[in-house]
Amino acid sequence: MERATVRVNGVVQSVGFRPFVYRTAVDLGLGGSVRNRGDAGALVELEGPREDVDGFLDALREDNPPLARVGTIETERERVPEAEAQFTSFEIVESDGGGEGGSGDGGGTIPPDTAMCGACVADMRDPDSRYHGYWATACLDCGPRFTVIESLPYDRPATSMAAFPLCADCRNEYEEPADRRYHAQTIACPQCGPTLRYVPASAAGTASTAVGERPPPGDRDPFPDDSADALAGGREAAIEAPAAVAGGRAAIGAAADALADGNVVVLKGIGGAHLACDATNEDAVARLRERTGRSEKPFALMAADAEMVGSFASPSPAERDALTSPRRPIVLLEEDGTAPLASGVAPGLHTVGAMVPYAGVHHLLFDELDAPVVMTSANLPGRPMLTRNGAMLAGLDGVADGFLLHDRRIVARCDDSVARLVDGDRRLLRRSRGFAPLPVPVSRAGDGDGDDVAVLGLGPELDVAAGVLSGEECYLTQYVGNVDDVDTFESFVGAIDHLLGVTGLDRPRVVARDAHPGFRTTEYAERLAADESSPASRVIEVQHHHAHAASVLAEHDVDAAIAVVVDGVGYGPDGTVWGGEVLDATRADYERVGGLSPTSMPGGDRATRYPARMLAGVLHRRDADTRRDADALEALLAEHVAFPRGAEEREVVLQQLDAGVNAPTTTSAGRFLDAASALLGVCEERTYEGEPAMKLEALAARGTARGIELPYATVDGRPVLDTPRLMDRLVELLDDAERADVAATAQDALARGLARIAVDAAEERDRDTVVLSGGVAYNDAIATRVRETVVDAGLRFLGNERVPPGDGGIAYGQVAVAAARVAGRDAD
């Protein structure tokens, strides 16, 4: 007989792994046990014939539950006499709360929240099922994980489901090995699980709470805000109001009626809440915009299924697969104009973000609706998404006409992920629900002593997600947002704490941060290093665009490449604003070898808000020898653009440029696209990040690029695309070309110019690979043209696939750079 101890790391908690192990071992006649370890791994002990132990290990490697992802398997085996057998059967035993395996090195992680599976949807719609009409139906293969767990190991007492003791029927299913809900920690039914209430806005101000079985501790306000402290304790207090509608299907019906009547409704889901309205109702969408102050920002939509999505867009097979995958991201699709969507859904854009139901409440809602609904994040401007019932009722008073709420606490807020097909490949604009906290590999090939040192990457300041590198896995938090807001920054710190908790990792000793001295993340990194109670002992500064480049190198396990990095803003080591760069990049270091010519930003940050200022800066020319005549420039601007305060502002801007006062330098690709948008009149004021470039892309989608000659120059010995001369040519093109053609030409010329510089640099420096990253890499036309130019030159082209090319992937790049430097590959 053989005895084996098997330690399994990876995504093996909360995915039905223990029931799978149990059934496999029982089928093979093996004795032993399986338990969750305190570091997110699993420990299996086996006894039985050698060939049966071999069969078990083969099954462990080849057959697993749908959500499981086995990483490493460590096995210790020994021959023992049958008389010394310790087990007479196989069983699932109590989880290990720490101890063995809980070293802080991590054994894996829990899976992300997963869309409701087909079997649970069928149960929910089956009149004969005890789950009929129950919104929180779940099993081992689906439902919330990341957003309900508070600590490891993953067992019901460690989740927000602890407040809902199992009824007898649920207990029977939970303990039945043949049932798909065997040891499913989120199992619940209408008799014992979380409940729904619909509260009309007229009743929200008078709502009170019905105390649950585990009320909030002490004398805490029953409607606390969504701070970290408010997440402690039991279930969300149930809502009681004179006009509240209780009961799952009744509450759903009331919410559906409100939406059909043109009202705005808060829908509390798995990791947060949405503000919803009928996407075909012009007045409803206009009201939602007015109430939220989101005048232009595109709204995402939810449709009943892929067929309904096809009524307003034409998803490709790959886009349809993304829409209906268990991750269920929002997918950006080209709107085809065939369905009567309200014009205010995505004003000025040619794409619309769409998703299909991923939670039971969504499926039940669409059983009552026959049109898509707007689903936009339920948050106050610039603030984190609301997750607590009381905060929603108070904070969205005057915004929503009704609230569909439940009493299961959301432990970790988690926004919807957003994806887009760019040049035929999926690109993540936001990596959050469905992806977090799954790790992304980072190879560590250094020869130094620090190869196993954990690293915390804090990201930049906008669109932030953090990352923790342990071994060769980078665990990424959910999308957090713009941490220049104090509340969002606190949410960011909480997201890091939660990530460490659900991975079993200790706090890293190395912190990687952006080079910008004024970011909150920079200050936080230095504060961690100075805090005697913090293990952080080293802070590594990583230049913004190097982090972008390194994110692609690390994803594809490439040591060096020429990188085209195009975005809106990044702090350069010379103190200027970078954003259109060609770098010779390794993991540890980089050299700036080309890019865009420097131009001025009159008014500094005001130029990022008002594209007309950026156009003036590009056309002005910093070089006095080639500067345009002042009168000619003023006449050109007067002809093509409008400044918010008219001619007076135009004159002030030109004076700033002539004097070089409050006109910082930039090489940003995003700012060049802003200038082009001003020239073509598509965006006079930026009201959300990326708006001018997105509207320019929408205009360009209707046009055809002209093959104009590209102007180049040399700056500090580097080849650059001469953007002032390029803008001159676009101005000239307006005389005999459609605006859409000029827009397409602007994008195409930018892409061709940077790609050509990159190809030349690769040939000169004997590099065989060119990579593309940065927020502008989401532009399909630009990404496609860069790839085509690179491939036509016989070089390999790579882009981001598993982390966002934008700032949401910066933390991943930061930890890759920091790991390379710690491992002994520092430039110094």
Foldseek 3Di string as FASTA:
>chain_A
DKKKKKKWFAAQALQCNQLVLQVLCVVLVWFWEKAQEQQNIIITITDDDPVSVVVSVVCVVPPGGPQTDTDDMDMDMDDDDPVPDPGPHYYYDYHHNAPVPLPQLFRYFHFFAWFADPVQLCLCCDPPHLQPLPFQAHFSHHGGDLFFAQFDDDALVRGLFVLFDDDPVLVVLCCDSVHRRPRNSSHDGPVTGWWKKKFFLVFLVVKDFDAGPKQDPDPDDLLDFPALVVLDIHWRTHIDTPPMDTDRLRRLVVVLVCQVVLFWEWEADAQFIWTKHFQLDQVSLVLLCVLQVPQAAAFAKEDAAVVQVVQFFPDDPVQNCQQPPRQFFFEWTFTPPRDRGHCRRHPLFRIHTYHYHRTSSRNSNVVSDDGMMTTHACDHPPAWGTFHPSCSSPVCNVNGRMYIDITRGGNAHWDGWYWYQFLNAIFTPFQTGSHAFHWAFFDQPFQFPCLQFKEKFFFAFAQAWIWIDGRGTITIFGGQGGVVDPNSVSSRVVRVVSSSRRRSHDATQEYEYEPDCPHPSNVVLVVLCVDPVHNHPYYHYDWQQLLLVLLFCRNVVHFWAWEFFAAAFTQDPVRATEGGFTWGHGLADIDTFEGADKWWQQQVVVCVFFLLLLLLRLQQDLDPVPGDDPVVSLVLSVVAAAAPVGPVVVVVSSVCSVVVPNITIYRHPLSLLSNLLRRLVSDGGDPDPSVSNSSLLRLLVVEAEDPDDWDWDADPNHIHGSSNVVVVVLSVCVVPDDSNHSSVNSLLNNLVRSLVSRLVVCVVVVHQEYEYAEPVCVRNSSVNNSCVSSVVSVGHYTYDRSAHSYSHSSNVSRVSNVSNVSSPNHPD
